[in-house]
Amino acid sequence: MEIYLSKKAQKDIRKAPKHVLVALDRWVVFVKTFGILLAQEEGAFKDKPLQGKLFGYRSIRLNHQWRAIYHPSSRELVELVRVTPHDYTL
C-alpha cells in the first residue's frame, strides 16, 4: 500500500501540531500494514465518506478538531489531500 501526499497535504503537515501528526502516523502505519479497506472499517479512525463537491473522498478524525481528507485511488494507492482543522475546502 502506497500513500501519496499532495502538495497541500505536505504544507498542512508542516503546520499541524505534534499530537495531530502522531495520530496521522498511526493511521498511515495501519493502512500500510492492513490496507485501506480494513482502515475504513476500524472504528478508532472515524472514517467517513464525504458528500457534495468532495464526493469520492473520505475523511478520518485525527482528534476532535483535526481531520485528514484522502482519496482512495485504488487498493494499492491512497492520496492524502489535506490535513486540516475541520475545514473541508480543497
N, C-alpha and C. Protein backbone atom coordinates (compact mmCIF):
# COMPACT_ATOMS: atom_id res chain seq x y z
N MET A 1 0.85 -1.18 0.00
CA MET A 1 0.00 0.00 0.00
C MET A 1 0.89 1.24 0.00
N GLU A 2 0.63 2.14 -0.92
CA GLU A 2 1.40 3.38 -1.03
C GLU A 2 0.50 4.56 -0.70
N ILE A 3 1.03 5.53 0.04
CA ILE A 3 0.29 6.73 0.38
C ILE A 3 1.02 7.92 -0.22
N TYR A 4 0.32 8.62 -1.12
CA TYR A 4 0.86 9.79 -1.80
C TYR A 4 0.36 11.04 -1.09
N LEU A 5 1.25 11.99 -0.80
CA LEU A 5 0.87 13.25 -0.17
C LEU A 5 0.80 14.35 -1.21
N SER A 6 -0.35 15.00 -1.31
CA SER A 6 -0.47 16.14 -2.22
C SER A 6 0.37 17.30 -1.68
N LYS A 7 0.60 18.31 -2.51
CA LYS A 7 1.38 19.47 -2.07
C LYS A 7 0.69 20.19 -0.92
N LYS A 8 -0.65 20.28 -0.97
CA LYS A 8 -1.39 20.91 0.12
C LYS A 8 -1.25 20.11 1.40
N ALA A 9 -1.30 18.78 1.30
CA ALA A 9 -1.16 17.94 2.48
C ALA A 9 0.24 18.11 3.08
N GLN A 10 1.26 18.19 2.25
CA GLN A 10 2.62 18.39 2.75
C GLN A 10 2.72 19.72 3.49
N LYS A 11 2.11 20.75 2.96
CA LYS A 11 2.11 22.07 3.60
C LYS A 11 1.32 22.03 4.91
N ASP A 12 0.16 21.37 4.88
CA ASP A 12 -0.67 21.25 6.08
C ASP A 12 0.08 20.53 7.20
N ILE A 13 0.81 19.49 6.84
CA ILE A 13 1.53 18.69 7.83
C ILE A 13 2.61 19.52 8.53
N ARG A 14 3.24 20.40 7.79
CA ARG A 14 4.26 21.27 8.40
C ARG A 14 3.65 22.20 9.46
N LYS A 15 2.37 22.53 9.30
CA LYS A 15 1.70 23.45 10.22
C LYS A 15 0.96 22.75 11.35
N ALA A 16 0.75 21.46 11.24
CA ALA A 16 -0.07 20.72 12.20
C ALA A 16 0.67 20.52 13.53
N PRO A 17 -0.07 20.51 14.63
CA PRO A 17 0.55 20.23 15.93
C PRO A 17 1.07 18.79 16.01
N LYS A 18 2.00 18.59 16.92
CA LYS A 18 2.65 17.29 17.03
C LYS A 18 1.67 16.17 17.34
N HIS A 19 0.70 16.40 18.23
CA HIS A 19 -0.23 15.33 18.59
C HIS A 19 -1.10 14.91 17.39
N VAL A 20 -1.33 15.83 16.47
CA VAL A 20 -2.07 15.51 15.24
C VAL A 20 -1.20 14.65 14.33
N LEU A 21 0.08 14.97 14.26
CA LEU A 21 1.00 14.19 13.43
C LEU A 21 1.17 12.77 13.96
N VAL A 22 1.14 12.62 15.28
CA VAL A 22 1.22 11.28 15.88
C VAL A 22 -0.01 10.46 15.47
N ALA A 23 -1.19 11.07 15.52
CA ALA A 23 -2.42 10.36 15.13
C ALA A 23 -2.40 10.02 13.64
N LEU A 24 -1.92 10.94 12.82
CA LEU A 24 -1.82 10.68 11.38
C LEU A 24 -0.85 9.55 11.10
N ASP A 25 0.27 9.54 11.80
CA ASP A 25 1.26 8.48 11.61
C ASP A 25 0.67 7.12 12.00
N ARG A 26 -0.13 7.08 13.06
CA ARG A 26 -0.79 5.84 13.47
C ARG A 26 -1.69 5.32 12.35
N TRP A 27 -2.43 6.22 11.70
CA TRP A 27 -3.31 5.84 10.59
C TRP A 27 -2.48 5.34 9.41
N VAL A 28 -1.40 6.05 9.08
CA VAL A 28 -0.55 5.65 7.95
C VAL A 28 0.03 4.25 8.18
N VAL A 29 0.51 3.98 9.37
CA VAL A 29 1.07 2.66 9.68
C VAL A 29 -0.02 1.60 9.56
N PHE A 30 -1.21 1.88 10.06
CA PHE A 30 -2.31 0.93 9.97
C PHE A 30 -2.66 0.64 8.52
N VAL A 31 -2.76 1.68 7.69
CA VAL A 31 -3.10 1.50 6.27
C VAL A 31 -2.03 0.69 5.56
N LYS A 32 -0.77 1.00 5.81
CA LYS A 32 0.31 0.27 5.15
C LYS A 32 0.38 -1.19 5.60
N THR A 33 -0.02 -1.45 6.84
CA THR A 33 0.04 -2.80 7.37
C THR A 33 -1.16 -3.65 6.96
N PHE A 34 -2.36 -3.08 7.10
CA PHE A 34 -3.58 -3.86 6.92
C PHE A 34 -4.39 -3.49 5.68
N GLY A 35 -4.08 -2.38 5.04
CA GLY A 35 -4.80 -1.97 3.84
C GLY A 35 -5.90 -0.96 4.15
N ILE A 36 -6.31 -0.26 3.13
CA ILE A 36 -7.28 0.82 3.30
C ILE A 36 -8.67 0.30 3.65
N LEU A 37 -9.04 -0.86 3.15
CA LEU A 37 -10.39 -1.38 3.44
C LEU A 37 -10.57 -1.68 4.93
N LEU A 38 -9.58 -2.27 5.56
CA LEU A 38 -9.67 -2.53 7.00
C LEU A 38 -9.59 -1.23 7.79
N ALA A 39 -8.81 -0.27 7.30
CA ALA A 39 -8.73 1.02 7.99
C ALA A 39 -10.07 1.73 7.96
N GLN A 40 -10.81 1.60 6.86
CA GLN A 40 -12.13 2.23 6.76
C GLN A 40 -13.11 1.59 7.73
N GLU A 41 -12.94 0.32 8.01
CA GLU A 41 -13.85 -0.38 8.92
C GLU A 41 -13.46 -0.18 10.39
N GLU A 42 -12.21 0.17 10.63
CA GLU A 42 -11.72 0.35 12.00
C GLU A 42 -12.39 1.58 12.63
N GLY A 43 -13.10 1.36 13.71
CA GLY A 43 -13.87 2.42 14.34
C GLY A 43 -13.04 3.52 14.98
N ALA A 44 -11.80 3.24 15.33
CA ALA A 44 -10.96 4.22 16.02
C ALA A 44 -10.65 5.44 15.16
N PHE A 45 -10.68 5.29 13.84
CA PHE A 45 -10.33 6.40 12.96
C PHE A 45 -11.52 7.25 12.54
N LYS A 46 -12.73 6.80 12.85
CA LYS A 46 -13.96 7.54 12.49
C LYS A 46 -13.92 7.93 11.01
N ASP A 47 -13.70 6.94 10.17
CA ASP A 47 -13.61 7.13 8.72
C ASP A 47 -15.00 7.33 8.14
N LYS A 48 -15.19 8.43 7.40
CA LYS A 48 -16.49 8.75 6.82
C LYS A 48 -16.35 9.17 5.36
N PRO A 49 -17.30 8.76 4.52
CA PRO A 49 -17.30 9.27 3.13
C PRO A 49 -17.81 10.72 3.14
N LEU A 50 -17.27 11.52 2.24
CA LEU A 50 -17.69 12.91 2.13
C LEU A 50 -18.74 13.06 1.04
N GLN A 51 -19.47 14.15 1.09
CA GLN A 51 -20.56 14.39 0.14
C GLN A 51 -20.33 15.70 -0.60
N GLY A 52 -21.21 15.99 -1.52
CA GLY A 52 -21.15 17.25 -2.27
C GLY A 52 -19.98 17.28 -3.22
N LYS A 53 -19.27 18.43 -3.23
CA LYS A 53 -18.15 18.57 -4.18
C LYS A 53 -16.97 17.67 -3.82
N LEU A 54 -16.97 17.11 -2.62
CA LEU A 54 -15.92 16.18 -2.22
C LEU A 54 -16.38 14.72 -2.29
N PHE A 55 -17.42 14.47 -3.05
CA PHE A 55 -17.91 13.10 -3.22
C PHE A 55 -16.78 12.24 -3.79
N GLY A 56 -16.58 11.06 -3.22
CA GLY A 56 -15.49 10.17 -3.63
C GLY A 56 -14.29 10.27 -2.70
N TYR A 57 -14.24 11.33 -1.89
CA TYR A 57 -13.19 11.48 -0.90
C TYR A 57 -13.69 10.96 0.43
N ARG A 58 -12.77 10.74 1.35
CA ARG A 58 -13.13 10.28 2.69
C ARG A 58 -12.35 11.10 3.70
N SER A 59 -12.85 11.14 4.92
CA SER A 59 -12.13 11.85 5.98
C SER A 59 -11.96 10.92 7.18
N ILE A 60 -10.88 11.15 7.89
CA ILE A 60 -10.67 10.47 9.16
C ILE A 60 -10.50 11.54 10.23
N ARG A 61 -10.91 11.21 11.43
CA ARG A 61 -10.80 12.13 12.56
C ARG A 61 -9.49 11.85 13.27
N LEU A 62 -8.62 12.86 13.30
CA LEU A 62 -7.34 12.72 13.99
C LEU A 62 -7.46 13.09 15.46
N ASN A 63 -8.34 14.03 15.75
CA ASN A 63 -8.75 14.35 17.11
C ASN A 63 -10.09 15.08 16.99
N HIS A 64 -10.52 15.74 18.03
CA HIS A 64 -11.84 16.39 17.98
C HIS A 64 -11.91 17.46 16.88
N GLN A 65 -10.82 18.16 16.64
CA GLN A 65 -10.83 19.26 15.68
C GLN A 65 -10.24 18.89 14.32
N TRP A 66 -9.15 18.15 14.29
CA TRP A 66 -8.39 17.93 13.07
C TRP A 66 -8.89 16.73 12.28
N ARG A 67 -8.92 16.90 10.94
CA ARG A 67 -9.32 15.83 10.02
C ARG A 67 -8.24 15.67 8.94
N ALA A 68 -8.18 14.48 8.40
CA ALA A 68 -7.36 14.22 7.22
C ALA A 68 -8.32 13.80 6.12
N ILE A 69 -8.18 14.41 4.97
CA ILE A 69 -9.03 14.09 3.82
C ILE A 69 -8.18 13.32 2.82
N TYR A 70 -8.71 12.19 2.37
CA TYR A 70 -7.95 11.37 1.43
C TYR A 70 -8.86 10.84 0.33
N HIS A 71 -8.22 10.40 -0.73
CA HIS A 71 -8.93 9.81 -1.86
C HIS A 71 -8.35 8.42 -2.10
N PRO A 72 -9.16 7.38 -1.90
CA PRO A 72 -8.66 6.01 -2.15
C PRO A 72 -8.62 5.74 -3.66
N SER A 73 -7.49 6.06 -4.29
CA SER A 73 -7.37 5.94 -5.74
C SER A 73 -7.51 4.50 -6.22
N SER A 74 -6.96 3.58 -5.46
CA SER A 74 -7.07 2.16 -5.79
C SER A 74 -6.81 1.36 -4.51
N ARG A 75 -6.78 0.04 -4.65
CA ARG A 75 -6.50 -0.79 -3.47
C ARG A 75 -5.05 -0.64 -3.04
N GLU A 76 -4.20 -0.15 -3.92
CA GLU A 76 -2.77 -0.05 -3.62
C GLU A 76 -2.27 1.39 -3.48
N LEU A 77 -3.13 2.40 -3.74
CA LEU A 77 -2.69 3.79 -3.70
C LEU A 77 -3.76 4.65 -3.02
N VAL A 78 -3.32 5.42 -2.03
CA VAL A 78 -4.20 6.37 -1.34
C VAL A 78 -3.55 7.74 -1.46
N GLU A 79 -4.32 8.74 -1.88
CA GLU A 79 -3.81 10.10 -1.97
C GLU A 79 -4.32 10.89 -0.78
N LEU A 80 -3.41 11.32 0.09
CA LEU A 80 -3.75 12.18 1.21
C LEU A 80 -3.80 13.61 0.69
N VAL A 81 -4.99 14.22 0.73
CA VAL A 81 -5.23 15.51 0.08
C VAL A 81 -5.03 16.67 1.03
N ARG A 82 -5.58 16.60 2.24
CA ARG A 82 -5.50 17.70 3.21
C ARG A 82 -5.39 17.14 4.62
N VAL A 83 -4.76 17.89 5.49
CA VAL A 83 -4.78 17.68 6.93
C VAL A 83 -5.18 19.03 7.49
N THR A 84 -6.40 19.12 8.00
CA THR A 84 -6.97 20.43 8.27
C THR A 84 -7.80 20.44 9.56
N PRO A 85 -7.87 21.61 10.20
CA PRO A 85 -8.72 21.71 11.39
C PRO A 85 -10.18 21.83 11.00
N HIS A 86 -10.73 20.75 10.48
CA HIS A 86 -12.15 20.62 10.12
C HIS A 86 -12.63 21.70 9.17
N ASP A 87 -11.84 21.95 8.13
CA ASP A 87 -12.21 22.87 7.07
C ASP A 87 -12.19 22.09 5.76
N TYR A 88 -13.35 21.77 5.24
CA TYR A 88 -13.45 20.86 4.10
C TYR A 88 -13.35 21.59 2.77
N THR A 89 -12.30 22.36 2.59
CA THR A 89 -12.07 23.01 1.31
C THR A 89 -10.80 22.46 0.70
N LEU A 90 -10.81 22.30 -0.60
CA LEU A 90 -9.61 21.84 -1.29
C LEU A 90 -8.91 23.07 -1.81
